[in-house]
Protein backbone atom coordinates (compact mmCIF):
# COMPACT_ATOMS: atom_id res chain seq x y z
CA MET A 1 0.00 0.00 0.00
CA THR A 2 1.45 3.35 -1.05
CA GLY A 3 0.44 6.96 -0.79
CA GLU A 4 0.81 9.65 -3.42
CA ALA A 5 4.33 9.86 -4.88
CA MET A 6 6.08 13.12 -4.08
CA THR A 7 7.13 15.13 -7.14
CA TRP A 8 10.55 16.70 -7.49
CA LEU A 9 9.01 20.18 -7.36
CA GLN A 10 7.32 19.32 -4.07
CA ALA A 11 10.55 17.90 -2.62
CA ILE A 12 12.57 20.97 -3.59
CA PHE A 13 9.92 23.38 -2.34
CA LEU A 14 9.45 21.61 1.00
CA GLY A 15 13.21 21.29 1.51
CA ALA A 16 13.59 25.04 0.97
CA LEU A 17 10.70 25.73 3.33
CA GLN A 18 12.29 23.53 6.02
CA GLY A 19 15.58 25.42 5.74
CA LEU A 20 13.87 28.80 5.83
CA THR A 21 11.65 28.14 8.83
CA GLU A 22 13.64 25.76 11.07
CA PHE A 23 15.44 28.41 13.09
CA LEU A 24 12.80 31.11 13.01
CA PRO A 25 10.29 31.05 15.90
CA ILE A 26 7.41 30.19 13.57
CA SER A 27 7.47 26.33 13.61
CA SER A 28 9.03 24.54 10.64
CA SER A 29 6.99 21.37 11.23
CA GLY A 30 3.81 23.44 11.38
CA HIS A 31 4.69 25.18 8.12
CA LEU A 32 5.45 21.94 6.30
CA ARG A 33 2.13 20.50 7.46
CA ILE A 34 0.14 23.63 6.52
CA VAL A 35 1.79 24.20 3.14
CA SER A 36 1.53 20.51 2.20
CA GLU A 37 -2.20 20.51 2.93
CA ILE A 38 -3.03 23.83 1.25
CA PHE A 39 -0.96 23.45 -1.92
CA PHE A 40 -0.66 19.67 -2.31
CA GLY A 41 -3.87 18.50 -0.62
CA THR A 42 -2.08 16.06 1.68
CA ASP A 43 0.60 15.72 4.38
CA ALA A 44 4.33 15.43 3.63
CA GLY A 45 4.57 13.43 6.86
CA ALA A 46 6.44 13.63 10.15
CA SER A 47 9.26 11.42 8.86
CA PHE A 48 9.97 13.73 5.89
CA THR A 49 10.12 16.66 8.31
CA ALA A 50 12.43 14.85 10.73
CA VAL A 51 14.83 13.69 8.02
CA THR A 52 15.13 17.08 6.30
CA GLN A 53 15.83 18.56 9.72
CA LEU A 54 19.12 16.65 9.55
CA GLY A 55 20.11 19.14 6.86
CA THR A 56 19.38 22.14 9.03
CA GLU A 57 21.14 20.57 12.00
CA ALA A 58 24.18 19.93 9.79
CA ALA A 59 24.10 23.67 9.16
CA VAL A 60 24.20 24.24 12.94
CA LEU A 61 27.10 21.83 13.34
CA ILE A 62 29.13 23.67 10.72
CA TYR A 63 28.14 27.18 11.76
CA PHE A 64 28.96 26.50 15.41
CA ALA A 65 31.76 23.98 14.73
CA ARG A 66 34.34 25.97 16.65
CA ASP A 67 32.01 26.43 19.64
CA ILE A 68 30.96 22.78 19.59
CA GLY A 69 34.54 21.55 19.41
CA ARG A 70 35.52 23.79 22.30
CA ILE A 71 32.55 22.66 24.40
CA VAL A 72 33.18 18.96 23.77
CA ALA A 73 36.88 19.30 24.57
CA ALA A 74 36.16 21.29 27.74
CA TRP A 75 33.52 18.77 28.85
CA PHE A 76 35.90 15.82 28.61
CA ARG A 77 38.69 17.87 30.16
CA GLY A 78 36.43 18.77 33.08
CA LEU A 79 35.56 15.11 33.65
CA LEU A 80 39.24 14.34 34.14
CA HIS A 81 40.30 17.54 35.90
CA PRO A 82 37.88 18.81 38.59
CA GLU A 83 39.61 22.19 38.73
CA ARG A 84 38.42 22.90 35.16
CA ARG A 85 34.74 22.39 35.91
CA GLY A 86 34.10 26.07 36.44
CA ASP A 87 34.72 26.79 32.74
CA LEU A 88 31.67 27.99 30.82
CA ASP A 89 32.27 25.49 28.02
CA TYR A 90 32.35 22.57 30.47
CA ARG A 91 29.13 23.76 32.05
CA MET A 92 27.57 24.34 28.63
CA GLY A 93 28.19 20.72 27.76
CA TRP A 94 26.20 19.62 30.78
CA TYR A 95 23.48 22.20 30.12
CA VAL A 96 22.94 20.80 26.63
CA ILE A 97 22.80 17.25 28.02
CA ILE A 98 20.32 17.98 30.80
CA GLY A 99 18.28 20.25 28.53
CA THR A 100 17.88 17.40 26.04
CA ILE A 101 16.40 14.95 28.55
CA PRO A 102 12.80 16.32 28.57
CA VAL A 103 12.36 16.22 24.78
CA GLY A 104 14.01 12.80 24.61
CA VAL A 105 11.71 11.27 27.22
CA LEU A 106 8.49 12.87 25.94
CA GLY A 107 9.41 12.24 22.31
CA PHE A 108 9.82 8.53 23.04
CA LEU A 109 6.67 8.23 25.14
CA PHE A 110 4.41 10.09 22.72
CA LYS A 111 6.04 9.24 19.37
CA ASP A 112 2.84 7.77 17.92
CA GLN A 113 0.70 10.76 18.90
CA ILE A 114 3.31 13.16 17.51
CA ARG A 115 3.12 11.44 14.13
CA THR A 116 -0.70 11.32 14.03
CA GLY A 117 -3.02 13.40 16.22
CA ALA A 118 -0.54 16.22 16.83
CA ARG A 119 -0.53 16.97 13.08
CA ASN A 120 -4.18 18.03 13.12
CA LEU A 121 -4.41 21.49 11.55
CA TRP A 122 -6.89 22.74 14.15
CA LEU A 123 -4.25 22.07 16.81
CA ILE A 124 -1.39 23.53 14.76
CA ALA A 125 -3.24 26.76 13.97
CA THR A 126 -4.25 27.16 17.60
CA MET A 127 -0.68 26.62 18.78
CA LEU A 128 0.58 29.22 16.31
CA ILE A 129 -1.65 31.81 17.94
CA VAL A 130 -1.27 30.70 21.57
CA PHE A 131 2.51 30.61 21.43
CA ALA A 132 2.60 33.89 19.56
CA LEU A 133 1.15 35.37 22.75
CA VAL A 134 3.75 33.51 24.82
CA ILE A 135 6.56 34.96 22.68
CA ALA A 136 5.03 38.43 23.00
CA ALA A 137 4.86 38.08 26.78
CA ALA A 138 8.49 36.91 26.91
CA GLU A 139 9.58 39.88 24.83
CA TYR A 140 7.59 42.30 26.98
CA TYR A 141 8.45 40.96 30.44
CA GLY A 142 11.95 39.57 29.83
CA ARG A 143 14.70 41.76 31.28
CA LYS A 144 17.22 40.69 28.60
CA VAL A 145 20.28 41.47 30.72
CA ARG A 146 21.96 38.10 31.32
CA PRO A 147 24.74 37.14 28.87
CA ILE A 148 25.55 33.57 27.83
CA GLU A 149 28.28 33.47 30.50
CA ASP A 150 25.57 33.69 33.16
CA LEU A 151 23.77 30.52 32.00
CA ARG A 152 22.99 28.10 34.83
CA ALA A 153 21.72 24.50 35.16
CA ARG A 154 18.26 25.77 36.07
CA ASP A 155 18.15 27.67 32.77
CA GLY A 156 19.07 24.50 30.90
CA ILE A 157 16.29 22.50 32.55
CA ILE A 158 13.64 25.17 31.96
CA MET A 159 14.65 25.86 28.37
CA GLY A 160 14.93 22.12 27.72
CA SER A 161 11.38 21.65 28.99
CA ALA A 162 10.25 24.45 26.67
CA GLN A 163 11.97 22.67 23.77
CA ALA A 164 9.88 19.58 24.51
CA LEU A 165 6.72 21.58 23.81
CA ALA A 166 7.90 21.89 20.20
CA LEU A 167 7.03 18.22 19.70
CA ILE A 168 3.62 19.73 18.92
CA PRO A 169 3.76 21.28 15.42
CA GLY A 170 2.93 24.96 15.60
CA VAL A 171 4.79 25.64 18.84
CA SER A 172 8.32 26.13 17.41
CA ARG A 173 11.50 24.78 18.94
CA SER A 174 13.36 28.08 18.75
CA GLY A 175 10.26 30.06 19.75
CA GLY A 176 9.77 27.96 22.88
CA THR A 177 13.40 27.92 24.00
CA ILE A 178 14.14 31.57 23.20
CA SER A 179 10.95 32.66 24.98
CA ALA A 180 11.92 30.63 28.04
CA GLY A 181 15.36 32.24 27.95
CA LEU A 182 13.86 35.72 27.78
CA PHE A 183 11.58 34.96 30.74
CA LEU A 184 14.75 33.92 32.61
CA GLY A 185 16.34 37.29 31.86
CA LEU A 186 18.77 36.16 29.14
CA THR A 187 19.58 38.46 26.26
CA ARG A 188 18.02 37.54 22.92
CA GLU A 189 21.41 36.57 21.49
CA ALA A 190 22.29 34.38 24.51
CA ALA A 191 18.90 32.65 24.38
CA ALA A 192 19.20 32.09 20.62
CA ARG A 193 22.73 30.67 20.81
CA TYR A 194 21.83 28.20 23.53
CA SER A 195 18.64 27.34 21.64
CA PHE A 196 20.66 26.34 18.56
CA LEU A 197 23.11 24.24 20.58
CA LEU A 198 20.31 22.62 22.58
CA ALA A 199 18.50 21.51 19.42
CA ILE A 200 21.43 19.49 18.04
CA PRO A 201 21.12 16.21 20.02
CA ALA A 202 17.31 16.08 19.87
CA VAL A 203 16.93 16.87 16.17
CA VAL A 204 19.78 14.64 15.04
CA ALA A 205 18.41 11.73 17.10
CA SER A 206 14.89 12.35 15.75
CA GLY A 207 16.10 12.47 12.16
CA LEU A 208 18.16 9.29 12.42
CA PHE A 209 15.30 7.53 14.22
CA SER A 210 12.92 8.51 11.41
CA LEU A 211 15.17 7.46 8.52
CA PRO A 212 13.78 3.89 8.23
CA ASP A 213 10.18 5.16 8.30
CA ALA A 214 10.92 7.79 5.66
CA PHE A 215 11.76 5.06 3.14
CA GLN A 216 8.68 2.97 3.95
CA PRO A 217 5.46 3.73 2.02
CA THR A 218 2.86 4.95 4.49
CA GLY A 219 -0.31 4.49 2.49
CA GLU A 220 -1.17 8.09 3.34
CA GLY A 221 0.16 11.49 2.30
CA LEU A 222 3.24 12.03 0.16
CA ASP A 223 5.88 9.33 -0.25
CA ALA A 224 9.35 10.72 -1.04
CA SER A 225 12.02 8.66 -2.78
CA GLY A 226 15.56 8.36 -1.44
CA PRO A 227 17.03 10.83 -3.98
CA GLN A 228 14.22 13.32 -3.24
CA LEU A 229 14.89 13.10 0.49
CA LEU A 230 18.59 13.66 -0.13
CA VAL A 231 18.05 16.70 -2.34
CA ALA A 232 15.46 18.19 0.04
CA THR A 233 17.89 17.72 2.95
CA VAL A 234 20.76 19.38 1.06
CA ILE A 235 18.54 22.32 0.16
CA ALA A 236 17.40 22.60 3.78
CA PHE A 237 21.06 22.66 4.83
CA ALA A 238 22.03 25.47 2.45
CA ILE A 239 19.09 27.72 3.28
CA GLY A 240 19.25 26.82 6.98
CA TYR A 241 22.88 27.93 7.18
CA ALA A 242 21.97 31.36 5.83
CA SER A 243 18.97 31.50 8.17
CA ILE A 244 21.14 30.98 11.27
CA SER A 245 23.42 33.85 10.37
CA TRP A 246 20.49 36.13 9.61
CA LEU A 247 18.57 35.33 12.80
CA LEU A 248 21.55 35.86 15.10
CA ARG A 249 22.10 39.30 13.58
CA PHE A 250 18.39 40.08 13.65
CA VAL A 251 17.76 39.25 17.32
CA VAL A 252 20.55 41.55 18.48
CA ASN A 253 18.77 44.65 17.23
CA HIS A 254 15.13 43.65 16.74
CA SER A 255 12.34 42.37 18.95
CA MET A 256 10.45 39.11 18.58
CA TYR A 257 7.21 40.99 17.92
CA TRP A 258 7.82 40.67 14.16
CA PHE A 259 7.33 36.93 14.42
CA VAL A 260 4.37 37.30 16.78
CA GLY A 261 2.34 39.19 14.19
CA TYR A 262 3.16 36.70 11.46
CA ARG A 263 2.19 33.71 13.61
CA ILE A 264 -1.16 35.23 14.55
CA VAL A 265 -2.02 36.10 10.94
CA LEU A 266 -1.07 32.63 9.71
CA GLY A 267 -2.99 30.94 12.53
CA VAL A 268 -6.13 32.96 11.82
CA VAL A 269 -5.88 32.23 8.07
CA VAL A 270 -5.57 28.48 8.67
CA LEU A 271 -8.47 28.48 11.16
CA SER A 272 -10.59 30.33 8.59
CA LEU A 273 -9.72 27.82 5.86
CA LEU A 274 -10.62 24.96 8.20
CA ALA A 275 -13.88 26.56 9.31
CA THR A 276 -15.00 27.13 5.73
CA GLY A 277 -14.01 23.61 4.63
CA VAL A 278 -11.39 24.80 2.15
CA VAL A 279 -8.78 22.48 3.70
CA SER A 280 -9.05 19.32 5.77
CA ALA A 281 -7.68 19.16 9.32
CA THR A 282 -6.29 15.63 8.93
């Protein structure tokens, strides 16, 4: 039993969309679900999303290669030499580890729901609007005075828990973690940097876990071929790399309100299309 075969145009378009939206606080998984339904009349699927995210995470690995290498080296050095455990890079290694635990546990426990019920467009559109208000509140109430050097284990746990909320399409991984960071008083740049680093283990694990499913016909939605998945992932990588650089520059001098307005408008549009029967929720 097979679903509808994905075309090359669809694969290229969705790969570009993944790269463009992954790091912005607007939910890449929500966008792939919405765009697939509106323009293609079906769902590209959670596995396609997870695999193409490997491309955007490869962009993170390369963009932050120097930081990652320094953190990994400092973490191992701190394990062997207790006097080095006060280093920020050593602590950052632990913060990424403990921040990954919530999304790992919840992702495993609710993997079936994430791939099915959580992709309902009523839920996605609602989450776009609800978390737009959360981002707005974080921007308004956050003091934005704490640099990355002031990051603590408590911050890692709280921001890691916020990342777990992004298992629901429409929430946004970066939107949830950056908002949590702002509520904790971190600067936008500090919150964004930690958000990118925090996403690496979870997204890479999710993408690798989904690889076998991505090559199995589902009987529903769009079925991508191996070459299409590869091309979409490469495109996501290229556009995602540029997106990281742009967002880090943007958040230094601009508020998150720009994304709040966009999320609300998109959420309202999708709810209207659902209410009038133009698109199907499932």
